[in-house]
Amino acid sequence: MVMATTASIAANTSLASVTLEVADPEAARLFYGAFGVETYVRLRASAAQSTGFRGFTLALTVSGPATVDSFVGAAVDAGATVLKPAAKSLWGYGGVVQAPDGTIWKIATSAKKDTGPATREIDEVVLLLGVEDVKATKQFYVGRGLTVAKSFGGKYTEFATGQSSPVKLALYKRRALAKDLGVPADGTGSHRIVLGSTADTFTDPDGFAWEAAASLAPTPS
């Protein structure tokens, strides 16, 4: 009976929220409000130590290059540091910034030319976890009940978005992700991120912590 109950809980697990652990929640709230992504993340005070790459990035997909530039500009004006200036690539156009709290954000579009003026609209937000073994971690999450939407061997996996969260979860090789972001792959200490689970509390193979969503209260405005 206990085993059946556990399996049932795992089968219903999905991403409900993304909480960033920051040293100064009020400053972070002001930054994310100016950046324009405050509805996608929660904030929580934490003194956890970390050095170097924290092992993840949050990626914004937008409509065109002008909108990429708009979000990058808003982030920089609010105090972000540019890690990779926005530029054309094989896949489109994008840039990478680091928020004052240390979180790395990638803003990109598959379009190489603008078909309209810049907007403040976000088409999709993806939380990319940098993992050592994509296949193994994918199987771990499948075992927790997540549904695979896309998978490219041991390089990349994307899970279906649950109705409880506007953020999509994906897995990428840690070193490949760091290279894409323009930072060294080495890092130690806390990831400084907590994933809200629609089921129970657990930790994945790469140390990313999930907590029952009910216990994750958003920071008051």
Protein backbone atom coordinates (compact mmCIF):
# COMPACT_ATOMS: atom_id res chain seq x y z
CA MET A 1 0.00 0.00 0.00
CA VAL A 2 2.84 2.42 0.83
CA MET A 3 4.61 1.69 -2.45
CA ALA A 4 1.43 2.29 -4.44
CA THR A 5 0.85 5.63 -2.70
CA THR A 6 4.43 6.76 -3.38
CA ALA A 7 4.15 5.86 -7.05
CA SER A 8 0.88 7.76 -7.33
CA ILE A 9 2.44 10.91 -5.83
CA ALA A 10 5.46 10.68 -8.12
CA ALA A 11 3.24 10.30 -11.17
CA ASN A 12 1.67 13.69 -10.45
CA THR A 13 4.91 15.66 -9.99
CA SER A 14 5.34 18.72 -12.19
CA LEU A 15 7.04 22.12 -11.95
CA ALA A 16 4.82 24.59 -10.11
CA SER A 17 7.20 27.49 -9.41
CA VAL A 18 10.79 28.74 -9.55
CA THR A 19 12.23 30.39 -6.44
CA LEU A 20 15.53 32.25 -6.54
CA GLU A 21 17.45 32.46 -3.28
CA VAL A 22 18.95 35.94 -3.01
CA ALA A 23 20.86 37.96 -0.44
CA ASP A 24 18.57 40.99 -0.76
CA PRO A 25 14.96 40.13 -1.75
CA GLU A 26 13.85 43.76 -1.95
CA ALA A 27 16.67 44.73 -4.31
CA ALA A 28 16.00 41.62 -6.39
CA ARG A 29 12.28 42.42 -6.52
CA LEU A 30 13.05 45.88 -7.89
CA PHE A 31 15.47 44.44 -10.46
CA TYR A 32 13.10 41.77 -11.76
CA GLY A 33 10.26 44.27 -11.93
CA ALA A 34 12.38 46.59 -14.09
CA PHE A 35 13.63 43.64 -16.17
CA GLY A 36 10.02 42.58 -16.77
CA VAL A 37 10.12 38.97 -15.53
CA GLU A 38 8.73 39.36 -12.00
CA THR A 39 5.71 37.13 -12.71
CA TYR A 40 7.92 34.15 -13.56
CA VAL A 41 10.04 33.86 -10.41
CA ARG A 42 9.63 33.95 -6.65
CA LEU A 43 12.29 35.31 -4.32
CA ARG A 44 13.53 34.09 -0.97
CA ALA A 45 16.25 35.41 1.31
CA SER A 46 19.20 33.09 1.73
CA ALA A 47 22.78 33.38 2.90
CA ALA A 48 23.79 30.14 1.14
CA GLN A 49 27.28 30.32 -0.33
CA SER A 50 28.12 29.61 -3.95
CA THR A 51 31.05 30.31 -6.23
CA GLY A 52 31.27 30.32 -10.02
CA PHE A 53 28.61 28.81 -12.27
CA ARG A 54 25.49 27.82 -10.34
CA GLY A 55 24.54 25.21 -12.92
CA PHE A 56 21.44 26.72 -14.51
CA THR A 57 20.06 29.56 -16.56
CA LEU A 58 16.64 31.03 -17.18
CA ALA A 59 16.01 31.63 -20.88
CA LEU A 60 13.49 34.01 -22.43
CA THR A 61 12.23 33.38 -25.96
CA VAL A 62 10.86 36.51 -27.61
CA SER A 63 9.56 37.54 -31.04
CA GLY A 64 12.50 39.34 -32.64
CA PRO A 65 15.92 41.00 -32.29
CA ALA A 66 14.47 44.38 -31.27
CA THR A 67 12.64 42.74 -28.36
CA VAL A 68 15.84 40.93 -27.35
CA ASP A 69 17.62 44.28 -27.28
CA SER A 70 14.77 45.78 -25.26
CA PHE A 71 15.01 43.14 -22.53
CA VAL A 72 18.81 43.22 -22.46
CA GLY A 73 18.72 47.02 -22.21
CA ALA A 74 16.17 46.93 -19.39
CA ALA A 75 18.26 44.39 -17.48
CA VAL A 76 21.47 46.43 -17.88
CA ASP A 77 19.72 49.66 -16.88
CA ALA A 78 18.50 47.88 -13.72
CA GLY A 79 22.01 46.71 -12.80
CA ALA A 80 22.68 43.51 -14.76
CA THR A 81 26.08 42.63 -16.24
CA VAL A 82 26.38 41.62 -19.90
CA LEU A 83 28.05 38.21 -20.25
CA LYS A 84 27.49 37.93 -24.01
CA PRO A 85 26.34 40.95 -26.02
CA ALA A 86 23.27 40.36 -28.16
CA ALA A 87 24.33 39.17 -31.61
CA LYS A 88 23.28 37.00 -34.54
CA SER A 89 24.07 33.29 -34.39
CA LEU A 90 23.38 30.15 -36.38
CA TRP A 91 20.09 29.76 -34.50
CA GLY A 92 18.87 33.36 -34.47
CA TYR A 93 19.73 36.32 -32.27
CA GLY A 94 20.38 36.54 -28.55
CA GLY A 95 22.40 37.76 -25.60
CA VAL A 96 23.20 36.76 -22.01
CA VAL A 97 23.07 38.88 -18.86
CA GLN A 98 23.72 38.21 -15.19
CA ALA A 99 21.39 39.73 -12.61
CA PRO A 100 22.84 41.46 -9.53
CA ASP A 101 21.85 38.41 -7.45
CA GLY A 102 24.00 36.19 -9.70
CA THR A 103 21.26 34.49 -11.74
CA ILE A 104 22.14 34.17 -15.42
CA TRP A 105 19.45 35.01 -18.00
CA LYS A 106 19.56 34.31 -21.73
CA ILE A 107 17.28 36.31 -24.02
CA ALA A 108 16.91 34.97 -27.56
CA THR A 109 14.79 34.72 -30.68
CA SER A 110 14.90 32.35 -33.64
CA ALA A 111 14.23 35.33 -35.93
CA LYS A 112 17.21 37.10 -37.44
CA LYS A 113 15.21 40.08 -38.71
CA ASP A 114 12.49 42.13 -37.06
CA THR A 115 9.00 41.90 -38.49
CA GLY A 116 7.65 44.54 -36.15
CA PRO A 117 8.63 46.96 -33.38
CA ALA A 118 10.07 45.88 -30.04
CA THR A 119 7.56 44.66 -27.47
CA ARG A 120 7.76 43.63 -23.83
CA GLU A 121 6.10 40.30 -24.54
CA ILE A 122 7.71 37.00 -23.59
CA ASP A 123 6.77 33.97 -25.69
CA GLU A 124 8.34 31.36 -23.43
CA VAL A 125 10.48 31.02 -20.30
CA VAL A 126 12.67 27.94 -19.96
CA LEU A 127 14.64 26.86 -16.90
CA LEU A 128 17.71 25.05 -18.21
CA LEU A 129 19.43 22.83 -15.67
CA GLY A 130 23.05 22.02 -16.43
CA VAL A 131 23.52 18.34 -15.61
CA GLU A 132 26.36 15.85 -15.83
CA ASP A 133 24.35 13.05 -17.48
CA VAL A 134 21.29 14.17 -19.45
CA LYS A 135 20.01 10.64 -20.08
CA ALA A 136 20.25 9.59 -16.43
CA THR A 137 18.67 12.78 -15.12
CA LYS A 138 15.92 12.53 -17.74
CA GLN A 139 15.08 9.03 -16.51
CA PHE A 140 15.06 10.30 -12.93
CA TYR A 141 12.46 12.93 -13.81
CA VAL A 142 10.42 10.52 -15.91
CA GLY A 143 10.35 8.34 -12.80
CA ARG A 144 8.99 11.34 -10.89
CA GLY A 145 6.14 11.61 -13.40
CA LEU A 146 7.35 14.38 -15.75
CA THR A 147 6.55 13.95 -19.45
CA VAL A 148 9.29 14.34 -22.06
CA ALA A 149 8.32 16.77 -24.83
CA LYS A 150 11.63 16.78 -26.76
CA SER A 151 14.81 14.78 -26.43
CA PHE A 152 18.06 14.84 -28.36
CA GLY A 153 20.02 11.86 -27.06
CA GLY A 154 22.39 12.73 -24.26
CA LYS A 155 22.56 16.42 -25.19
CA TYR A 156 19.18 17.98 -24.40
CA THR A 157 15.79 17.10 -22.93
CA GLU A 158 12.71 19.27 -22.60
CA PHE A 159 9.70 18.40 -20.47
CA ALA A 160 6.06 19.23 -21.12
CA THR A 161 4.87 22.33 -19.32
CA GLY A 162 2.37 21.73 -16.55
CA GLN A 163 -0.60 24.04 -16.18
CA SER A 164 0.64 25.05 -12.73
CA SER A 165 3.75 26.84 -13.98
CA PRO A 166 4.51 29.30 -16.81
CA VAL A 167 8.11 28.06 -16.86
CA LYS A 168 9.26 25.07 -18.91
CA LEU A 169 11.90 22.70 -17.50
CA ALA A 170 14.78 21.44 -19.65
CA LEU A 171 18.09 19.62 -19.21
CA TYR A 172 21.40 20.44 -20.91
CA LYS A 173 24.94 19.20 -20.44
CA ARG A 174 26.50 21.39 -17.75
CA ARG A 175 29.70 22.20 -19.64
CA ALA A 176 27.82 22.83 -22.88
CA LEU A 177 25.44 25.17 -21.07
CA ALA A 178 28.28 27.09 -19.45
CA LYS A 179 30.00 27.44 -22.83
CA ASP A 180 26.79 28.71 -24.40
CA LEU A 181 26.47 31.30 -21.63
CA GLY A 182 30.09 32.38 -21.89
CA VAL A 183 31.14 31.39 -18.36
CA PRO A 184 33.52 28.76 -16.91
CA ALA A 185 31.71 25.52 -16.01
CA ASP A 186 33.29 25.23 -12.56
CA GLY A 187 31.27 26.17 -9.51
CA THR A 188 30.71 25.07 -5.93
CA GLY A 189 28.13 25.50 -3.21
CA SER A 190 24.40 26.14 -3.46
CA HIS A 191 22.58 26.38 -6.79
CA ARG A 192 20.59 29.21 -5.14
CA ILE A 193 17.39 28.01 -6.81
CA VAL A 194 14.47 25.93 -5.52
CA LEU A 195 11.91 24.28 -7.76
CA GLY A 196 8.31 24.10 -6.58
CA SER A 197 6.87 20.60 -6.85
CA THR A 198 3.18 19.77 -7.21
CA ALA A 199 3.93 16.65 -5.19
CA ASP A 200 6.62 16.00 -2.60
CA THR A 201 10.08 17.27 -1.64
CA PHE A 202 13.15 15.71 -3.25
CA THR A 203 16.60 16.44 -4.67
CA ASP A 204 17.65 15.44 -8.18
CA PRO A 205 20.96 13.72 -9.13
CA ASP A 206 22.70 17.07 -9.69
CA GLY A 207 21.66 18.56 -6.37
CA PHE A 208 18.76 20.73 -7.54
CA ALA A 209 16.24 20.93 -4.71
CA TRP A 210 12.47 20.60 -5.12
CA GLU A 211 10.04 21.58 -2.38
CA ALA A 212 6.30 21.08 -2.11
CA ALA A 213 4.85 24.20 -3.74
CA ALA A 214 2.56 24.92 -0.77
CA SER A 215 5.65 25.63 1.36
CA LEU A 216 7.02 28.18 -1.09
CA ALA A 217 5.41 31.49 -0.26
CA PRO A 218 6.26 34.36 -2.64
CA THR A 219 8.12 37.37 -1.28
CA PRO A 220 5.64 40.14 -0.36
CA SER A 221 5.62 43.09 -2.74
